[in-house]
Amino acid sequence: MRDLIARFVFGFTMLIAPLTLAQEPSAEPDLAAAEVYKDAAEERAAKFVGVSGPEAESVPGGALMLGDYAIVWVLLFLFLMRMRGLQRHTAEELERLSAEIRASGGS
């Protein structure tokens, strides 16, 4: 089923990609759209609005990088502790089942 879906997606991509790439831009520019764009550009150019704000970063990049590494190490540690707990639980269950088999007279 997965192979069928992959083939369908690949085939669909191969059909659509040439159609989108084959579209040529129109030779005649849209004059109305160009006029609206020109008017908007001139309107923006007529006004100057100063931007106020900090001139530098408020949080240095080094602190962010160290924080990210700390998060990754904590998540890795928690993952390993979870795996250790699951392994311990599995070993206890195996030991219990082995004792149950020995008690029932199995080999």
PDB file of N, CA and C in Angstrom:
ATOM      1  N   MET A   1       0.816  -1.185   0.000  1.00  0.00           N
ATOM      2  CA  MET A   1       0.000   0.000   0.000  1.00  0.00           C
ATOM      3  C   MET A   1       0.871   1.265   0.000  1.00  0.00           C
ATOM      4  N   ARG A   2       1.944   1.198   0.824  1.00  0.00           N
ATOM      5  CA  ARG A   2       2.844   2.343   0.902  1.00  0.00           C
ATOM      6  C   ARG A   2       3.522   2.579  -0.451  1.00  0.00           C
ATOM      7  N   ASP A   3       3.866   1.491  -1.126  1.00  0.00           N
ATOM      8  CA  ASP A   3       4.498   1.601  -2.441  1.00  0.00           C
ATOM      9  C   ASP A   3       3.537   2.232  -3.450  1.00  0.00           C
ATOM     10  N   LEU A   4       2.271   1.856  -3.374  1.00  0.00           N
ATOM     11  CA  LEU A   4       1.268   2.419  -4.274  1.00  0.00           C
ATOM     12  C   LEU A   4       1.105   3.924  -4.054  1.00  0.00           C
ATOM     13  N   ILE A   5       1.072   4.331  -2.802  1.00  0.00           N
ATOM     14  CA  ILE A   5       0.948   5.764  -2.486  1.00  0.00           C
ATOM     15  C   ILE A   5       2.179   6.516  -2.974  1.00  0.00           C
ATOM     16  N   ALA A   6       3.356   5.940  -2.757  1.00  0.00           N
ATOM     17  CA  ALA A   6       4.592   6.591  -3.207  1.00  0.00           C
ATOM     18  C   ALA A   6       4.600   6.751  -4.724  1.00  0.00           C
ATOM     19  N   ARG A   7       4.149   5.735  -5.440  1.00  0.00           N
ATOM     20  CA  ARG A   7       4.108   5.827  -6.903  1.00  0.00           C
ATOM     21  C   ARG A   7       3.101   6.883  -7.361  1.00  0.00           C
ATOM     22  N   PHE A   8       1.962   6.958  -6.672  1.00  0.00           N
ATOM     23  CA  PHE A   8       0.954   7.951  -7.015  1.00  0.00           C
ATOM     24  C   PHE A   8       1.492   9.360  -6.809  1.00  0.00           C
ATOM     25  N   VAL A   9       2.126   9.601  -5.674  1.00  0.00           N
ATOM     26  CA  VAL A   9       2.675  10.929  -5.383  1.00  0.00           C
ATOM     27  C   VAL A   9       3.760  11.279  -6.391  1.00  0.00           C
ATOM     28  N   PHE A  10       4.625  10.330  -6.700  1.00  0.00           N
ATOM     29  CA  PHE A  10       5.691  10.581  -7.675  1.00  0.00           C
ATOM     30  C   PHE A  10       5.111  10.887  -9.059  1.00  0.00           C
ATOM     31  N   GLY A  11       4.133  10.098  -9.476  1.00  0.00           N
ATOM     32  CA  GLY A  11       3.511  10.337 -10.776  1.00  0.00           C
ATOM     33  C   GLY A  11       2.798  11.678 -10.833  1.00  0.00           C
ATOM     34  N   PHE A  12       2.085  12.019  -9.767  1.00  0.00           N
ATOM     35  CA  PHE A  12       1.389  13.294  -9.712  1.00  0.00           C
ATOM     36  C   PHE A  12       2.388  14.447  -9.774  1.00  0.00           C
ATOM     37  N   THR A  13       3.503  14.309  -9.076  1.00  0.00           N
ATOM     38  CA  THR A  13       4.541  15.337  -9.099  1.00  0.00           C
ATOM     39  C   THR A  13       5.132  15.480 -10.490  1.00  0.00           C
ATOM     40  N   MET A  14       5.339  14.362 -11.149  1.00  0.00           N
ATOM     41  CA  MET A  14       5.930  14.409 -12.488  1.00  0.00           C
ATOM     42  C   MET A  14       4.958  15.019 -13.499  1.00  0.00           C
ATOM     43  N   LEU A  15       3.655  14.910 -13.257  1.00  0.00           N
ATOM     44  CA  LEU A  15       2.685  15.518 -14.158  1.00  0.00           C
ATOM     45  C   LEU A  15       2.523  17.013 -13.904  1.00  0.00           C
ATOM     46  N   ILE A  16       2.540  17.416 -12.644  1.00  0.00           N
ATOM     47  CA  ILE A  16       2.274  18.807 -12.288  1.00  0.00           C
ATOM     48  C   ILE A  16       3.495  19.703 -12.487  1.00  0.00           C
ATOM     49  N   ALA A  17       4.683  19.211 -12.179  1.00  0.00           N
ATOM     50  CA  ALA A  17       5.890  20.047 -12.246  1.00  0.00           C
ATOM     51  C   ALA A  17       6.111  20.636 -13.638  1.00  0.00           C
ATOM     52  N   PRO A  18       6.034  19.861 -14.719  1.00  0.00           N
ATOM     53  CA  PRO A  18       6.247  20.475 -16.032  1.00  0.00           C
ATOM     54  C   PRO A  18       5.182  21.515 -16.383  1.00  0.00           C
ATOM     55  N   LEU A  19       3.951  21.285 -15.932  1.00  0.00           N
ATOM     56  CA  LEU A  19       2.895  22.244 -16.235  1.00  0.00           C
ATOM     57  C   LEU A  19       3.152  23.583 -15.552  1.00  0.00           C
ATOM     58  N   THR A  20       3.611  23.540 -14.319  1.00  0.00           N
ATOM     59  CA  THR A  20       3.870  24.800 -13.617  1.00  0.00           C
ATOM     60  C   THR A  20       5.103  25.493 -14.161  1.00  0.00           C
ATOM     61  N   LEU A  21       6.086  24.726 -14.587  1.00  0.00           N
ATOM     62  CA  LEU A  21       7.296  25.336 -15.136  1.00  0.00           C
ATOM     63  C   LEU A  21       7.089  25.839 -16.555  1.00  0.00           C
ATOM     64  N   ALA A  22       6.124  25.272 -17.272  1.00  0.00           N
ATOM     65  CA  ALA A  22       5.899  25.646 -18.664  1.00  0.00           C
ATOM     66  C   ALA A  22       5.137  26.956 -18.807  1.00  0.00           C
ATOM     67  N   GLN A  23       4.498  27.413 -17.761  1.00  0.00           N
ATOM     68  CA  GLN A  23       3.742  28.655 -17.855  1.00  0.00           C
ATOM     69  C   GLN A  23       4.702  29.824 -18.038  1.00  0.00           C
ATOM     70  N   GLU A  24       4.472  30.580 -19.063  1.00  0.00           N
ATOM     71  CA  GLU A  24       5.322  31.726 -19.349  1.00  0.00           C
ATOM     72  C   GLU A  24       4.645  32.982 -18.827  1.00  0.00           C
ATOM     73  N   PRO A  25       5.435  33.918 -18.335  1.00  0.00           N
ATOM     74  CA  PRO A  25       4.825  35.174 -17.924  1.00  0.00           C
ATOM     75  C   PRO A  25       4.295  35.915 -19.140  1.00  0.00           C
ATOM     76  N   SER A  26       3.253  36.659 -18.926  1.00  0.00           N
ATOM     77  CA  SER A  26       2.657  37.373 -20.053  1.00  0.00           C
ATOM     78  C   SER A  26       3.636  38.419 -20.578  1.00  0.00           C
ATOM     79  N   ALA A  27       3.645  38.603 -21.893  1.00  0.00           N
ATOM     80  CA  ALA A  27       4.563  39.541 -22.522  1.00  0.00           C
ATOM     81  C   ALA A  27       4.174  40.982 -22.217  1.00  0.00           C
ATOM     82  N   GLU A  28       2.876  41.244 -22.059  1.00  0.00           N
ATOM     83  CA  GLU A  28       2.408  42.586 -21.776  1.00  0.00           C
ATOM     84  C   GLU A  28       2.184  42.749 -20.281  1.00  0.00           C
ATOM     85  N   PRO A  29       2.870  43.693 -19.656  1.00  0.00           N
ATOM     86  CA  PRO A  29       2.662  43.884 -18.226  1.00  0.00           C
ATOM     87  C   PRO A  29       1.285  44.487 -17.969  1.00  0.00           C
ATOM     88  N   ASP A  30       0.753  44.187 -16.825  1.00  0.00           N
ATOM     89  CA  ASP A  30      -0.546  44.711 -16.432  1.00  0.00           C
ATOM     90  C   ASP A  30      -0.352  46.158 -15.992  1.00  0.00           C
ATOM     91  N   LEU A  31      -0.818  47.096 -16.801  1.00  0.00           N
ATOM     92  CA  LEU A  31      -0.576  48.511 -16.545  1.00  0.00           C
ATOM     93  C   LEU A  31      -1.328  49.009 -15.316  1.00  0.00           C
ATOM     94  N   ALA A  32      -2.517  48.505 -15.072  1.00  0.00           N
ATOM     95  CA  ALA A  32      -3.296  48.946 -13.918  1.00  0.00           C
ATOM     96  C   ALA A  32      -2.595  48.536 -12.622  1.00  0.00           C
ATOM     97  N   ALA A  33      -2.084  47.316 -12.571  1.00  0.00           N
ATOM     98  CA  ALA A  33      -1.386  46.848 -11.375  1.00  0.00           C
ATOM     99  C   ALA A  33      -0.096  47.628 -11.176  1.00  0.00           C
ATOM    100  N   ALA A  34       0.610  47.937 -12.268  1.00  0.00           N
ATOM    101  CA  ALA A  34       1.845  48.705 -12.168  1.00  0.00           C
ATOM    102  C   ALA A  34       1.558  50.109 -11.655  1.00  0.00           C
ATOM    103  N   GLU A  35       0.445  50.696 -12.068  1.00  0.00           N
ATOM    104  CA  GLU A  35       0.089  52.042 -11.631  1.00  0.00           C
ATOM    105  C   GLU A  35      -0.239  52.058 -10.134  1.00  0.00           C
ATOM    106  N   VAL A  36      -0.979  51.054  -9.673  1.00  0.00           N
ATOM    107  CA  VAL A  36      -1.312  50.966  -8.251  1.00  0.00           C
ATOM    108  C   VAL A  36      -0.046  50.785  -7.434  1.00  0.00           C
ATOM    109  N   TYR A  37       0.866  49.940  -7.917  1.00  0.00           N
ATOM    110  CA  TYR A  37       2.128  49.704  -7.215  1.00  0.00           C
ATOM    111  C   TYR A  37       2.946  50.984  -7.164  1.00  0.00           C
ATOM    112  N   LYS A  38       2.969  51.728  -8.272  1.00  0.00           N
ATOM    113  CA  LYS A  38       3.730  52.969  -8.337  1.00  0.00           C
ATOM    114  C   LYS A  38       3.151  53.994  -7.369  1.00  0.00           C
ATOM    115  N   ASP A  39       1.832  54.106  -7.306  1.00  0.00           N
ATOM    116  CA  ASP A  39       1.197  55.043  -6.388  1.00  0.00           C
ATOM    117  C   ASP A  39       1.516  54.689  -4.935  1.00  0.00           C
ATOM    118  N   ALA A  40       1.464  53.418  -4.608  1.00  0.00           N
ATOM    119  CA  ALA A  40       1.758  52.992  -3.242  1.00  0.00           C
ATOM    120  C   ALA A  40       3.210  53.267  -2.897  1.00  0.00           C
ATOM    121  N   ALA A  41       4.101  53.027  -3.858  1.00  0.00           N
ATOM    122  CA  ALA A  41       5.520  53.281  -3.617  1.00  0.00           C
ATOM    123  C   ALA A  41       5.781  54.762  -3.422  1.00  0.00           C
ATOM    124  N   GLU A  42       5.150  55.589  -4.213  1.00  0.00           N
ATOM    125  CA  GLU A  42       5.333  57.037  -4.058  1.00  0.00           C
ATOM    126  C   GLU A  42       4.770  57.516  -2.736  1.00  0.00           C
ATOM    127  N   GLU A  43       3.652  56.947  -2.304  1.00  0.00           N
ATOM    128  CA  GLU A  43       3.059  57.346  -1.032  1.00  0.00           C
ATOM    129  C   GLU A  43       3.987  56.998   0.123  1.00  0.00           C
ATOM    130  N   ARG A  44       4.596  55.834   0.050  1.00  0.00           N
ATOM    131  CA  ARG A  44       5.524  55.445   1.106  1.00  0.00           C
ATOM    132  C   ARG A  44       6.764  56.325   1.078  1.00  0.00           C
ATOM    133  N   ALA A  45       7.217  56.691  -0.098  1.00  0.00           N
ATOM    134  CA  ALA A  45       8.429  57.487  -0.216  1.00  0.00           C
ATOM    135  C   ALA A  45       8.210  58.922   0.255  1.00  0.00           C
ATOM    136  N   ALA A  46       6.981  59.391   0.308  1.00  0.00           N
ATOM    137  CA  ALA A  46       6.700  60.767   0.696  1.00  0.00           C
ATOM    138  C   ALA A  46       6.805  60.962   2.206  1.00  0.00           C
ATOM    139  N   LYS A  47       6.728  59.897   2.979  1.00  0.00           N
ATOM    140  CA  LYS A  47       6.754  60.012   4.424  1.00  0.00           C
ATOM    141  C   LYS A  47       7.999  59.316   4.967  1.00  0.00           C
ATOM    142  N   PHE A  48       8.544  59.900   6.032  1.00  0.00           N
ATOM    143  CA  PHE A  48       9.637  59.245   6.739  1.00  0.00           C
ATOM    144  C   PHE A  48       9.179  58.987   8.156  1.00  0.00           C
ATOM    145  N   VAL A  49       9.206  57.718   8.531  1.00  0.00           N
ATOM    146  CA  VAL A  49       8.814  57.347   9.876  1.00  0.00           C
ATOM    147  C   VAL A  49      10.018  56.683  10.518  1.00  0.00           C
ATOM    148  N   GLY A  50      10.553  57.310  11.532  1.00  0.00           N
ATOM    149  CA  GLY A  50      11.696  56.752  12.238  1.00  0.00           C
ATOM    150  C   GLY A  50      11.278  55.561  13.086  1.00  0.00           C
ATOM    151  N   VAL A  51      12.180  54.640  13.220  1.00  0.00           N
ATOM    152  CA  VAL A  51      11.931  53.438  14.005  1.00  0.00           C
ATOM    153  C   VAL A  51      12.734  53.549  15.286  1.00  0.00           C
ATOM    154  N   SER A  52      12.065  53.366  16.397  1.00  0.00           N
ATOM    155  CA  SER A  52      12.781  53.392  17.665  1.00  0.00           C
ATOM    156  C   SER A  52      12.817  51.984  18.234  1.00  0.00           C
ATOM    157  N   GLY A  53      13.883  51.685  18.922  1.00  0.00           N
ATOM    158  CA  GLY A  53      14.025  50.360  19.500  1.00  0.00           C
ATOM    159  C   GLY A  53      15.468  50.135  19.900  1.00  0.00           C
ATOM    160  N   PRO A  54      15.745  48.958  20.424  1.00  0.00           N
ATOM    161  CA  PRO A  54      17.119  48.684  20.835  1.00  0.00           C
ATOM    162  C   PRO A  54      18.050  48.614  19.623  1.00  0.00           C
ATOM    163  N   GLU A  55      19.254  49.077  19.837  1.00  0.00           N
ATOM    164  CA  GLU A  55      20.223  49.060  18.751  1.00  0.00           C
ATOM    165  C   GLU A  55      21.023  47.776  18.721  1.00  0.00           C
ATOM    166  N   ALA A  56      20.928  46.975  19.773  1.00  0.00           N
ATOM    167  CA  ALA A  56      21.688  45.729  19.839  1.00  0.00           C
ATOM    168  C   ALA A  56      20.780  44.618  20.357  1.00  0.00           C
ATOM    169  N   GLU A  57      21.272  43.404  20.224  1.00  0.00           N
ATOM    170  CA  GLU A  57      20.537  42.250  20.733  1.00  0.00           C
ATOM    171  C   GLU A  57      20.446  42.338  22.250  1.00  0.00           C
ATOM    172  N   SER A  58      19.300  42.002  22.797  1.00  0.00           N
ATOM    173  CA  SER A  58      19.152  42.044  24.245  1.00  0.00           C
ATOM    174  C   SER A  58      19.614  40.750  24.904  1.00  0.00           C
ATOM    175  N   VAL A  59      19.641  39.636  24.146  1.00  0.00           N
ATOM    176  CA  VAL A  59      20.101  38.356  24.670  1.00  0.00           C
ATOM    177  C   VAL A  59      21.268  37.893  23.804  1.00  0.00           C
ATOM    178  N   PRO A  60      22.428  37.679  24.395  1.00  0.00           N
ATOM    179  CA  PRO A  60      23.559  37.241  23.589  1.00  0.00           C
ATOM    180  C   PRO A  60      23.355  35.821  23.060  1.00  0.00           C
ATOM    181  N   GLY A  61      23.911  35.542  21.905  1.00  0.00           N
ATOM    182  CA  GLY A  61      23.726  34.241  21.273  1.00  0.00           C
ATOM    183  C   GLY A  61      24.370  33.104  22.027  1.00  0.00           C
ATOM    184  N   GLY A  62      25.458  33.377  22.724  1.00  0.00           N
ATOM    185  CA  GLY A  62      26.145  32.327  23.478  1.00  0.00           C
ATOM    186  C   GLY A  62      25.267  31.743  24.567  1.00  0.00           C
ATOM    187  N   ALA A  63      24.529  32.603  25.261  1.00  0.00           N
ATOM    188  CA  ALA A  63      23.642  32.119  26.319  1.00  0.00           C
ATOM    189  C   ALA A  63      22.521  31.267  25.738  1.00  0.00           C
ATOM    190  N   LEU A  64      21.999  31.658  24.595  1.00  0.00           N
ATOM    191  CA  LEU A  64      20.952  30.855  23.947  1.00  0.00           C
ATOM    192  C   LEU A  64      21.488  29.491  23.533  1.00  0.00           C
ATOM    193  N   MET A  65      22.708  29.457  22.994  1.00  0.00           N
ATOM    194  CA  MET A  65      23.298  28.187  22.567  1.00  0.00           C
ATOM    195  C   MET A  65      23.512  27.270  23.770  1.00  0.00           C
ATOM    196  N   LEU A  66      24.037  27.817  24.858  1.00  0.00           N
ATOM    197  CA  LEU A  66      24.258  26.999  26.050  1.00  0.00           C
ATOM    198  C   LEU A  66      22.935  26.497  26.613  1.00  0.00           C
ATOM    199  N   GLY A  67      21.914  27.331  26.570  1.00  0.00           N
ATOM    200  CA  GLY A  67      20.594  26.900  27.022  1.00  0.00           C
ATOM    201  C   GLY A  67      20.045  25.771  26.174  1.00  0.00           C
ATOM    202  N   ASP A  68      20.238  25.870  24.866  1.00  0.00           N
ATOM    203  CA  ASP A  68      19.773  24.808  23.965  1.00  0.00           C
ATOM    204  C   ASP A  68      20.498  23.498  24.235  1.00  0.00           C
ATOM    205  N   TYR A  69      21.820  23.580  24.418  1.00  0.00           N
ATOM    206  CA  TYR A  69      22.577  22.365  24.721  1.00  0.00           C
ATOM    207  C   TYR A  69      22.132  21.765  26.051  1.00  0.00           C
ATOM    208  N   ALA A  70      21.851  22.608  27.036  1.00  0.00           N
ATOM    209  CA  ALA A  70      21.392  22.110  28.334  1.00  0.00           C
ATOM    210  C   ALA A  70      20.061  21.378  28.181  1.00  0.00           C
ATOM    211  N   ILE A  71      19.167  21.926  27.398  1.00  0.00           N
ATOM    212  CA  ILE A  71      17.873  21.284  27.177  1.00  0.00           C
ATOM    213  C   ILE A  71      18.054  19.927  26.494  1.00  0.00           C
ATOM    214  N   VAL A  72      18.917  19.875  25.493  1.00  0.00           N
ATOM    215  CA  VAL A  72      19.155  18.605  24.789  1.00  0.00           C
ATOM    216  C   VAL A  72      19.734  17.568  25.741  1.00  0.00           C
ATOM    217  N   TRP A  73      20.706  17.956  26.582  1.00  0.00           N
ATOM    218  CA  TRP A  73      21.303  17.002  27.517  1.00  0.00           C
ATOM    219  C   TRP A  73      20.289  16.531  28.554  1.00  0.00           C
ATOM    220  N   VAL A  74      19.448  17.411  29.039  1.00  0.00           N
ATOM    221  CA  VAL A  74      18.426  17.012  30.015  1.00  0.00           C
ATOM    222  C   VAL A  74      17.445  16.039  29.372  1.00  0.00           C
ATOM    223  N   LEU A  75      17.012  16.335  28.143  1.00  0.00           N
ATOM    224  CA  LEU A  75      16.089  15.422  27.454  1.00  0.00           C
ATOM    225  C   LEU A  75      16.741  14.062  27.196  1.00  0.00           C
ATOM    226  N   LEU A  76      18.021  14.057  26.825  1.00  0.00           N
ATOM    227  CA  LEU A  76      18.735  12.799  26.613  1.00  0.00           C
ATOM    228  C   LEU A  76      18.829  12.009  27.916  1.00  0.00           C
ATOM    229  N   PHE A  77      19.146  12.703  29.007  1.00  0.00           N
ATOM    230  CA  PHE A  77      19.225  12.044  30.311  1.00  0.00           C
ATOM    231  C   PHE A  77      17.880  11.441  30.705  1.00  0.00           C
ATOM    232  N   LEU A  78      16.804  12.185  30.532  1.00  0.00           N
ATOM    233  CA  LEU A  78      15.472  11.675  30.867  1.00  0.00           C
ATOM    234  C   LEU A  78      15.099  10.475  29.999  1.00  0.00           C
ATOM    235  N   PHE A  79      15.468  10.530  28.707  1.00  0.00           N
ATOM    236  CA  PHE A  79      15.200   9.400  27.815  1.00  0.00           C
ATOM    237  C   PHE A  79      15.948   8.156  28.286  1.00  0.00           C
ATOM    238  N   LEU A  80      17.231   8.318  28.654  1.00  0.00           N
ATOM    239  CA  LEU A  80      18.011   7.172  29.110  1.00  0.00           C
ATOM    240  C   LEU A  80      17.480   6.613  30.429  1.00  0.00           C
ATOM    241  N   MET A  81      17.020   7.484  31.320  1.00  0.00           N
ATOM    242  CA  MET A  81      16.437   7.011  32.571  1.00  0.00           C
ATOM    243  C   MET A  81      15.139   6.240  32.305  1.00  0.00           C
ATOM    244  N   ARG A  82      14.365   6.706  31.349  1.00  0.00           N
ATOM    245  CA  ARG A  82      13.122   6.011  30.977  1.00  0.00           C
ATOM    246  C   ARG A  82      13.445   4.621  30.413  1.00  0.00           C
ATOM    247  N   MET A  83      14.459   4.544  29.547  1.00  0.00           N
ATOM    248  CA  MET A  83      14.848   3.251  28.977  1.00  0.00           C
ATOM    249  C   MET A  83      15.364   2.314  30.065  1.00  0.00           C
ATOM    250  N   ARG A  84      16.099   2.867  31.033  1.00  0.00           N
ATOM    251  CA  ARG A  84      16.609   2.052  32.139  1.00  0.00           C
ATOM    252  C   ARG A  84      15.454   1.481  32.944  1.00  0.00           C
ATOM    253  N   GLY A  85      14.447   2.302  33.224  1.00  0.00           N
ATOM    254  CA  GLY A  85      13.289   1.828  33.969  1.00  0.00           C
ATOM    255  C   GLY A  85      12.521   0.751  33.219  1.00  0.00           C
ATOM    256  N   LEU A  86      12.349   0.951  31.911  1.00  0.00           N
ATOM    257  CA  LEU A  86      11.653  -0.060  31.107  1.00  0.00           C
ATOM    258  C   LEU A  86      12.440  -1.362  31.055  1.00  0.00           C
ATOM    259  N   GLN A  87      13.772  -1.260  30.964  1.00  0.00           N
ATOM    260  CA  GLN A  87      14.605  -2.458  30.933  1.00  0.00           C
ATOM    261  C   GLN A  87      14.526  -3.197  32.268  1.00  0.00           C
ATOM    262  N   ARG A  88      14.541  -2.452  33.370  1.00  0.00           N
ATOM    263  CA  ARG A  88      14.429  -3.074  34.694  1.00  0.00           C
ATOM    264  C   ARG A  88      13.075  -3.774  34.834  1.00  0.00           C
ATOM    265  N   HIS A  89      12.004  -3.120  34.382  1.00  0.00           N
ATOM    266  CA  HIS A  89      10.670  -3.712  34.456  1.00  0.00           C
ATOM    267  C   HIS A  89      10.600  -4.990  33.623  1.00  0.00           C
ATOM    268  N   THR A  90      11.198  -4.965  32.446  1.00  0.00           N
ATOM    269  CA  THR A  90      11.196  -6.143  31.582  1.00  0.00           C
ATOM    270  C   THR A  90      11.981  -7.282  32.213  1.00  0.00           C
ATOM    271  N   ALA A  91      13.125  -6.978  32.827  1.00  0.00           N
ATOM    272  CA  ALA A  91      13.927  -8.016  33.481  1.00  0.00           C
ATOM    273  C   ALA A  91      13.170  -8.629  34.652  1.00  0.00           C
ATOM    274  N   GLU A  92      12.477  -7.804  35.447  1.00  0.00           N
ATOM    275  CA  GLU A  92      11.689  -8.325  36.561  1.00  0.00           C
ATOM    276  C   GLU A  92      10.557  -9.206  36.064  1.00  0.00           C
ATOM    277  N   GLU A  93       9.904  -8.801  34.988  1.00  0.00           N
ATOM    278  CA  GLU A  93       8.813  -9.597  34.414  1.00  0.00           C
ATOM    279  C   GLU A  93       9.335 -10.928  33.881  1.00  0.00           C
ATOM    280  N   LEU A  94      10.489 -10.907  33.252  1.00  0.00           N
ATOM    281  CA  LEU A  94      11.098 -12.137  32.729  1.00  0.00           C
ATOM    282  C   LEU A  94      11.459 -13.065  33.875  1.00  0.00           C
ATOM    283  N   GLU A  95      12.017 -12.515  34.939  1.00  0.00           N
ATOM    284  CA  GLU A  95      12.367 -13.333  36.104  1.00  0.00           C
ATOM    285  C   GLU A  95      11.120 -13.935  36.737  1.00  0.00           C
ATOM    286  N   ARG A  96      10.047 -13.154  36.828  1.00  0.00           N
ATOM    287  CA  ARG A  96       8.796 -13.655  37.406  1.00  0.00           C
ATOM    288  C   ARG A  96       8.226 -14.779  36.558  1.00  0.00           C
ATOM    289  N   LEU A  97       8.242 -14.598  35.236  1.00  0.00           N
ATOM    290  CA  LEU A  97       7.711 -15.644  34.350  1.00  0.00           C
ATOM    291  C   LEU A  97       8.563 -16.896  34.407  1.00  0.00           C
ATOM    292  N   SER A  98       9.904 -16.732  34.503  1.00  0.00           N
ATOM    293  CA  SER A  98      10.782 -17.909  34.609  1.00  0.00           C
ATOM    294  C   SER A  98      10.496 -18.661  35.891  1.00  0.00           C
ATOM    295  N   ALA A  99      10.297 -17.955  37.010  1.00  0.00           N
ATOM    296  CA  ALA A  99       9.987 -18.611  38.276  1.00  0.00           C
ATOM    297  C   ALA A  99       8.643 -19.308  38.188  1.00  0.00           C
ATOM    298  N   GLU A 100       7.677 -18.694  37.522  1.00  0.00           N
ATOM    299  CA  GLU A 100       6.358 -19.307  37.372  1.00  0.00           C
ATOM    300  C   GLU A 100       6.431 -20.584  36.549  1.00  0.00           C
ATOM    301  N   ILE A 101       7.263 -20.579  35.504  1.00  0.00           N
ATOM    302  CA  ILE A 101       7.423 -21.788  34.677  1.00  0.00           C
ATOM    303  C   ILE A 101       8.102 -22.894  35.488  1.00  0.00           C
ATOM    304  N   ARG A 102       9.130 -22.542  36.258  1.00  0.00           N
ATOM    305  CA  ARG A 102       9.826 -23.554  37.083  1.00  0.00           C
ATOM    306  C   ARG A 102       8.870 -24.119  38.132  1.00  0.00           C
ATOM    307  N   ALA A 103       8.017 -23.268  38.707  1.00  0.00           N
ATOM    308  CA  ALA A 103       7.098 -23.727  39.751  1.00  0.00           C
ATOM    309  C   ALA A 103       6.011 -24.638  39.179  1.00  0.00           C
ATOM    310  N   SER A 104       5.653 -24.432  37.922  1.00  0.00           N
ATOM    311  CA  SER A 104       4.602 -25.264  37.347  1.00  0.00           C
ATOM    312  C   SER A 104       5.124 -26.598  36.851  1.00  0.00           C
ATOM    313  N   GLY A 105       6.413 -26.836  36.938  1.00  0.00           N
ATOM    314  CA  GLY A 105       6.986 -28.131  36.553  1.00  0.00           C
ATOM    315  C   GLY A 105       7.456 -28.168  35.114  1.00  0.00           C
ATOM    316  N   GLY A 106       7.558 -27.030  34.461  1.00  0.00           N
ATOM    317  CA  GLY A 106       8.055 -26.973  33.079  1.00  0.00           C
ATOM    318  C   GLY A 106       9.569 -27.158  33.063  1.00  0.00           C
ATOM    319  N   SER A 107      10.122 -27.292  31.898  1.00  0.00           N
ATOM    320  CA  SER A 107      11.555 -27.537  31.803  1.00  0.00           C
ATOM    321  C   SER A 107      12.349 -26.289  31.922  1.00  0.00           C
TER     322      SER A 107
END
